Amino acid sequence: MASIDLDKVLDKAWADKSLPEILAAPVAALKGVSDRDGELLQEAFGVKTVADLAELKYVRWAQALAALEAAK
């Protein structure tokens, strides 16, 4: 089972929310992502929510390439 320290990856306002709420949250709910970053992600890729970002094919491709490199 995967686990994550939500305090390290979410802004304080989102750390106590349920997983469905977090996934439906704007990407600015992620620590270090500003509202402007969220606007740019929406303009460039149509990403509105944390779930959209997780499902973005470019993110998945980059993760797959990094996993291939790590498996060497």
N, C-alpha and C. Protein backbone atom coordinates (compact mmCIF):
# COMPACT_ATOMS: atom_id res chain seq x y z
N MET A 1 0.84 -1.18 0.00
CA MET A 1 0.00 0.00 0.00
C MET A 1 0.88 1.24 0.00
N ALA A 2 0.57 2.19 -0.86
CA ALA A 2 1.33 3.43 -0.95
C ALA A 2 0.89 4.40 0.13
N SER A 3 1.82 5.20 0.61
CA SER A 3 1.47 6.23 1.58
C SER A 3 2.24 7.50 1.23
N ILE A 4 1.74 8.61 1.73
CA ILE A 4 2.36 9.89 1.46
C ILE A 4 2.07 10.82 2.63
N ASP A 5 3.03 11.65 2.98
CA ASP A 5 2.84 12.64 4.04
C ASP A 5 2.16 13.85 3.42
N LEU A 6 0.86 13.98 3.63
CA LEU A 6 0.08 15.04 3.00
C LEU A 6 0.57 16.42 3.38
N ASP A 7 1.12 16.58 4.58
CA ASP A 7 1.64 17.89 5.00
C ASP A 7 2.81 18.33 4.12
N LYS A 8 3.50 17.39 3.53
CA LYS A 8 4.66 17.72 2.69
C LYS A 8 4.27 18.05 1.25
N VAL A 9 3.10 17.60 0.81
CA VAL A 9 2.75 17.78 -0.61
C VAL A 9 1.55 18.69 -0.84
N LEU A 10 0.83 19.05 0.23
CA LEU A 10 -0.36 19.88 0.08
C LEU A 10 -0.22 21.18 0.87
N ASP A 11 -0.85 22.23 0.35
CA ASP A 11 -0.98 23.45 1.14
C ASP A 11 -1.77 23.11 2.39
N LYS A 12 -1.55 23.86 3.46
CA LYS A 12 -2.18 23.57 4.76
C LYS A 12 -3.70 23.47 4.67
N ALA A 13 -4.32 24.28 3.83
CA ALA A 13 -5.77 24.29 3.73
C ALA A 13 -6.33 22.97 3.21
N TRP A 14 -5.50 22.17 2.55
CA TRP A 14 -5.96 20.93 1.94
C TRP A 14 -5.52 19.68 2.68
N ALA A 15 -4.64 19.80 3.65
CA ALA A 15 -4.03 18.64 4.31
C ALA A 15 -5.03 17.77 5.07
N ASP A 16 -6.14 18.33 5.48
CA ASP A 16 -7.11 17.54 6.25
C ASP A 16 -8.31 17.10 5.41
N LYS A 17 -8.25 17.30 4.11
CA LYS A 17 -9.35 16.93 3.22
C LYS A 17 -9.28 15.46 2.85
N SER A 18 -10.40 14.93 2.39
CA SER A 18 -10.44 13.54 1.94
C SER A 18 -9.74 13.41 0.59
N LEU A 19 -9.36 12.20 0.25
CA LEU A 19 -8.69 11.97 -1.02
C LEU A 19 -9.55 12.41 -2.21
N PRO A 20 -10.84 12.09 -2.24
CA PRO A 20 -11.65 12.59 -3.36
C PRO A 20 -11.67 14.11 -3.46
N GLU A 21 -11.69 14.80 -2.30
CA GLU A 21 -11.65 16.27 -2.31
C GLU A 21 -10.32 16.77 -2.86
N ILE A 22 -9.23 16.13 -2.46
CA ILE A 22 -7.90 16.54 -2.93
C ILE A 22 -7.78 16.33 -4.43
N LEU A 23 -8.24 15.20 -4.92
CA LEU A 23 -8.14 14.93 -6.36
C LEU A 23 -8.99 15.90 -7.17
N ALA A 24 -10.07 16.40 -6.60
CA ALA A 24 -10.93 17.36 -7.29
C ALA A 24 -10.47 18.80 -7.10
N ALA A 25 -9.47 18.99 -6.25
CA ALA A 25 -8.97 20.33 -5.94
C ALA A 25 -8.19 20.91 -7.11
N PRO A 26 -8.11 22.24 -7.16
CA PRO A 26 -7.25 22.85 -8.17
C PRO A 26 -5.79 22.48 -7.91
N VAL A 27 -4.97 22.47 -8.95
CA VAL A 27 -3.57 22.06 -8.79
C VAL A 27 -2.82 22.95 -7.80
N ALA A 28 -3.31 24.16 -7.56
CA ALA A 28 -2.68 25.04 -6.59
C ALA A 28 -2.79 24.49 -5.17
N ALA A 29 -3.58 23.45 -4.96
CA ALA A 29 -3.64 22.79 -3.64
C ALA A 29 -2.32 22.09 -3.34
N LEU A 30 -1.54 21.80 -4.37
CA LEU A 30 -0.23 21.15 -4.18
C LEU A 30 0.78 22.19 -3.71
N LYS A 31 1.54 21.83 -2.71
CA LYS A 31 2.56 22.73 -2.16
C LYS A 31 3.53 23.14 -3.27
N GLY A 32 3.75 24.42 -3.40
CA GLY A 32 4.69 24.93 -4.39
C GLY A 32 4.08 25.26 -5.74
N VAL A 33 2.80 24.95 -5.92
CA VAL A 33 2.11 25.28 -7.18
C VAL A 33 1.23 26.50 -6.91
N SER A 34 1.51 27.59 -7.60
CA SER A 34 0.75 28.82 -7.39
C SER A 34 -0.53 28.83 -8.22
N ASP A 35 -1.39 29.77 -7.91
CA ASP A 35 -2.60 29.93 -8.72
C ASP A 35 -2.22 30.21 -10.17
N ARG A 36 -1.19 31.01 -10.37
CA ARG A 36 -0.74 31.33 -11.74
C ARG A 36 -0.23 30.07 -12.44
N ASP A 37 0.52 29.24 -11.73
CA ASP A 37 0.96 27.96 -12.30
C ASP A 37 -0.25 27.14 -12.75
N GLY A 38 -1.29 27.13 -11.92
CA GLY A 38 -2.51 26.41 -12.25
C GLY A 38 -3.16 26.96 -13.51
N GLU A 39 -3.18 28.28 -13.63
CA GLU A 39 -3.74 28.91 -14.84
C GLU A 39 -2.94 28.51 -16.08
N LEU A 40 -1.62 28.50 -15.95
CA LEU A 40 -0.78 28.13 -17.09
C LEU A 40 -0.95 26.67 -17.47
N LEU A 41 -1.08 25.79 -16.47
CA LEU A 41 -1.33 24.37 -16.76
C LEU A 41 -2.67 24.18 -17.46
N GLN A 42 -3.66 24.96 -17.06
CA GLN A 42 -4.96 24.87 -17.71
C GLN A 42 -4.88 25.37 -19.15
N GLU A 43 -4.20 26.49 -19.36
CA GLU A 43 -4.05 27.03 -20.71
C GLU A 43 -3.29 26.07 -21.62
N ALA A 44 -2.21 25.52 -21.12
CA ALA A 44 -1.35 24.69 -21.94
C ALA A 44 -1.87 23.28 -22.15
N PHE A 45 -2.45 22.68 -21.12
CA PHE A 45 -2.79 21.26 -21.17
C PHE A 45 -4.24 20.93 -20.77
N GLY A 46 -5.02 21.94 -20.40
CA GLY A 46 -6.39 21.67 -19.97
C GLY A 46 -6.48 21.09 -18.57
N VAL A 47 -5.42 21.20 -17.80
CA VAL A 47 -5.36 20.65 -16.44
C VAL A 47 -6.03 21.63 -15.48
N LYS A 48 -7.07 21.15 -14.80
CA LYS A 48 -7.78 21.98 -13.82
C LYS A 48 -7.62 21.46 -12.40
N THR A 49 -7.51 20.14 -12.26
CA THR A 49 -7.50 19.53 -10.92
C THR A 49 -6.24 18.71 -10.70
N VAL A 50 -6.05 18.32 -9.44
CA VAL A 50 -4.94 17.43 -9.11
C VAL A 50 -5.06 16.13 -9.89
N ALA A 51 -6.27 15.61 -10.02
CA ALA A 51 -6.49 14.37 -10.79
C ALA A 51 -6.12 14.56 -12.26
N ASP A 52 -6.48 15.72 -12.82
CA ASP A 52 -6.12 16.00 -14.22
C ASP A 52 -4.60 15.96 -14.40
N LEU A 53 -3.89 16.56 -13.45
CA LEU A 53 -2.43 16.58 -13.53
C LEU A 53 -1.87 15.16 -13.46
N ALA A 54 -2.41 14.36 -12.55
CA ALA A 54 -1.94 12.98 -12.39
C ALA A 54 -2.18 12.15 -13.65
N GLU A 55 -3.23 12.47 -14.38
CA GLU A 55 -3.59 11.71 -15.57
C GLU A 55 -2.98 12.27 -16.85
N LEU A 56 -2.30 13.39 -16.76
CA LEU A 56 -1.71 14.03 -17.93
C LEU A 56 -0.68 13.10 -18.57
N LYS A 57 -0.87 12.81 -19.84
CA LYS A 57 -0.01 11.83 -20.50
C LYS A 57 1.46 12.23 -20.46
N TYR A 58 1.76 13.49 -20.49
CA TYR A 58 3.17 13.92 -20.47
C TYR A 58 3.80 13.63 -19.12
N VAL A 59 3.03 13.77 -18.06
CA VAL A 59 3.53 13.42 -16.72
C VAL A 59 3.78 11.92 -16.65
N ARG A 60 2.85 11.13 -17.16
CA ARG A 60 3.02 9.67 -17.14
C ARG A 60 4.22 9.24 -17.98
N TRP A 61 4.40 9.86 -19.13
CA TRP A 61 5.56 9.53 -19.98
C TRP A 61 6.87 9.84 -19.25
N ALA A 62 6.92 11.02 -18.63
CA ALA A 62 8.13 11.41 -17.90
C ALA A 62 8.40 10.46 -16.74
N GLN A 63 7.36 10.04 -16.03
CA GLN A 63 7.53 9.09 -14.93
C GLN A 63 8.02 7.75 -15.44
N ALA A 64 7.50 7.30 -16.57
CA ALA A 64 7.93 6.03 -17.14
C ALA A 64 9.40 6.09 -17.55
N LEU A 65 9.80 7.18 -18.17
CA LEU A 65 11.20 7.32 -18.59
C LEU A 65 12.13 7.34 -17.36
N ALA A 66 11.71 8.06 -16.31
CA ALA A 66 12.53 8.11 -15.09
C ALA A 66 12.61 6.74 -14.44
N ALA A 67 11.53 5.97 -14.46
CA ALA A 67 11.53 4.63 -13.89
C ALA A 67 12.45 3.70 -14.69
N LEU A 68 12.47 3.86 -16.01
CA LEU A 68 13.38 3.06 -16.84
C LEU A 68 14.83 3.36 -16.48
N GLU A 69 15.12 4.62 -16.31
CA GLU A 69 16.50 5.02 -15.96
C GLU A 69 16.88 4.47 -14.58
N ALA A 70 15.95 4.54 -13.64
CA ALA A 70 16.23 4.07 -12.27
C ALA A 70 16.42 2.56 -12.23
N ALA A 71 15.81 1.85 -13.17
CA ALA A 71 15.88 0.39 -13.18
C ALA A 71 17.17 -0.14 -13.79
N LYS A 72 18.00 0.74 -14.33
CA LYS A 72 19.26 0.31 -14.94
C LYS A 72 20.16 -0.37 -13.94
